[in-house]
Amino acid sequence: MRTFQGGPEETAQRLGLGEHDKEKASLEALIDYAIQCAMETNVFSGDEKLEDVRRNLCRAVL
């Protein structure tokens, strides 16, 4: 016989958190890619400014 940790609600919450974490990681990767592309076209001049842009994008998207 199989035993489960927690009830259906707890299991659903754990599964939902997993999907949320995957979505967040995907969006962070997209932000990093967009910043990398912008750096290659010399849009940014310094690393400090780059980190500010990344932080602001993460706040807005996530």
C-alpha atoms as a PDB file:
ATOM      1  CA  MET A   1       0.000   0.000   0.000  1.00  0.00           C
ATOM      2  CA  ARG A   2       1.243   3.441  -0.871  1.00  0.00           C
ATOM      3  CA  THR A   3       1.258   6.300   1.641  1.00  0.00           C
ATOM      4  CA  PHE A   4       1.227   9.950   0.691  1.00  0.00           C
ATOM      5  CA  GLN A   5       2.784  12.893   2.456  1.00  0.00           C
ATOM      6  CA  GLY A   6      -0.013  15.370   3.087  1.00  0.00           C
ATOM      7  CA  GLY A   7      -3.483  15.469   1.660  1.00  0.00           C
ATOM      8  CA  PRO A   8      -4.686  16.451  -1.792  1.00  0.00           C
ATOM      9  CA  GLU A   9      -4.510  20.167  -1.017  1.00  0.00           C
ATOM     10  CA  GLU A  10      -0.882  19.970   0.106  1.00  0.00           C
ATOM     11  CA  THR A  11       0.041  17.880  -2.918  1.00  0.00           C
ATOM     12  CA  ALA A  12      -1.646  20.350  -5.263  1.00  0.00           C
ATOM     13  CA  GLN A  13       0.200  23.224  -3.605  1.00  0.00           C
ATOM     14  CA  ARG A  14       3.554  21.445  -3.973  1.00  0.00           C
ATOM     15  CA  LEU A  15       2.876  20.730  -7.637  1.00  0.00           C
ATOM     16  CA  GLY A  16       1.786  24.333  -8.178  1.00  0.00           C
ATOM     17  CA  LEU A  17       4.941  25.649  -6.560  1.00  0.00           C
ATOM     18  CA  GLY A  18       7.006  23.454  -8.837  1.00  0.00           C
ATOM     19  CA  GLU A  19       5.319  24.898 -11.909  1.00  0.00           C
ATOM     20  CA  HIS A  20       5.680  28.422 -10.527  1.00  0.00           C
ATOM     21  CA  ASP A  21       9.393  27.858  -9.927  1.00  0.00           C
ATOM     22  CA  LYS A  22       9.829  26.542 -13.476  1.00  0.00           C
ATOM     23  CA  GLU A  23       8.016  29.563 -14.900  1.00  0.00           C
ATOM     24  CA  LYS A  24      10.120  31.948 -12.809  1.00  0.00           C
ATOM     25  CA  ALA A  25      13.355  30.261 -13.913  1.00  0.00           C
ATOM     26  CA  SER A  26      12.265  30.462 -17.555  1.00  0.00           C
ATOM     27  CA  LEU A  27      11.490  34.166 -17.262  1.00  0.00           C
ATOM     28  CA  GLU A  28      14.824  34.835 -15.555  1.00  0.00           C
ATOM     29  CA  ALA A  29      16.609  33.001 -18.375  1.00  0.00           C
ATOM     30  CA  LEU A  30      14.712  35.098 -20.920  1.00  0.00           C
ATOM     31  CA  ILE A  31      15.717  38.295 -19.108  1.00  0.00           C
ATOM     32  CA  ASP A  32      19.355  37.172 -19.041  1.00  0.00           C
ATOM     33  CA  TYR A  33      19.212  36.404 -22.769  1.00  0.00           C
ATOM     34  CA  ALA A  34      17.679  39.796 -23.572  1.00  0.00           C
ATOM     35  CA  ILE A  35      20.377  41.552 -21.552  1.00  0.00           C
ATOM     36  CA  GLN A  36      23.119  39.500 -23.224  1.00  0.00           C
ATOM     37  CA  CYS A  37      21.776  40.457 -26.668  1.00  0.00           C
ATOM     38  CA  ALA A  38      21.647  44.107 -25.629  1.00  0.00           C
ATOM     39  CA  MET A  39      25.247  43.922 -24.375  1.00  0.00           C
ATOM     40  CA  GLU A  40      26.400  42.473 -27.697  1.00  0.00           C
ATOM     41  CA  THR A  41      24.908  45.473 -29.490  1.00  0.00           C
ATOM     42  CA  ASN A  42      26.613  47.864 -27.020  1.00  0.00           C
ATOM     43  CA  VAL A  43      23.372  49.175 -25.525  1.00  0.00           C
ATOM     44  CA  PHE A  44      24.861  49.122 -22.015  1.00  0.00           C
ATOM     45  CA  SER A  45      28.021  50.919 -21.018  1.00  0.00           C
ATOM     46  CA  GLY A  46      28.813  49.472 -17.578  1.00  0.00           C
ATOM     47  CA  ASP A  47      28.208  46.441 -15.401  1.00  0.00           C
ATOM     48  CA  GLU A  48      26.576  48.470 -12.637  1.00  0.00           C
ATOM     49  CA  LYS A  49      24.007  49.876 -15.034  1.00  0.00           C
ATOM     50  CA  LEU A  50      23.490  46.382 -16.443  1.00  0.00           C
ATOM     51  CA  GLU A  51      22.694  44.962 -12.993  1.00  0.00           C
ATOM     52  CA  ASP A  52      20.204  47.785 -12.367  1.00  0.00           C
ATOM     53  CA  VAL A  53      18.429  46.994 -15.631  1.00  0.00           C
ATOM     54  CA  ARG A  54      18.309  43.284 -14.807  1.00  0.00           C
ATOM     55  CA  ARG A  55      16.932  43.973 -11.316  1.00  0.00           C
ATOM     56  CA  ASN A  56      14.233  46.287 -12.691  1.00  0.00           C
ATOM     57  CA  LEU A  57      13.230  43.783 -15.378  1.00  0.00           C
ATOM     58  CA  CYS A  58      12.981  41.005 -12.806  1.00  0.00           C
ATOM     59  CA  ARG A  59      10.793  43.166 -10.569  1.00  0.00           C
ATOM     60  CA  ALA A  60       8.505  44.100 -13.451  1.00  0.00           C
ATOM     61  CA  VAL A  61       8.168  40.623 -14.938  1.00  0.00           C
ATOM     62  CA  LEU A  62       8.258  38.477 -11.826  1.00  0.00           C
END
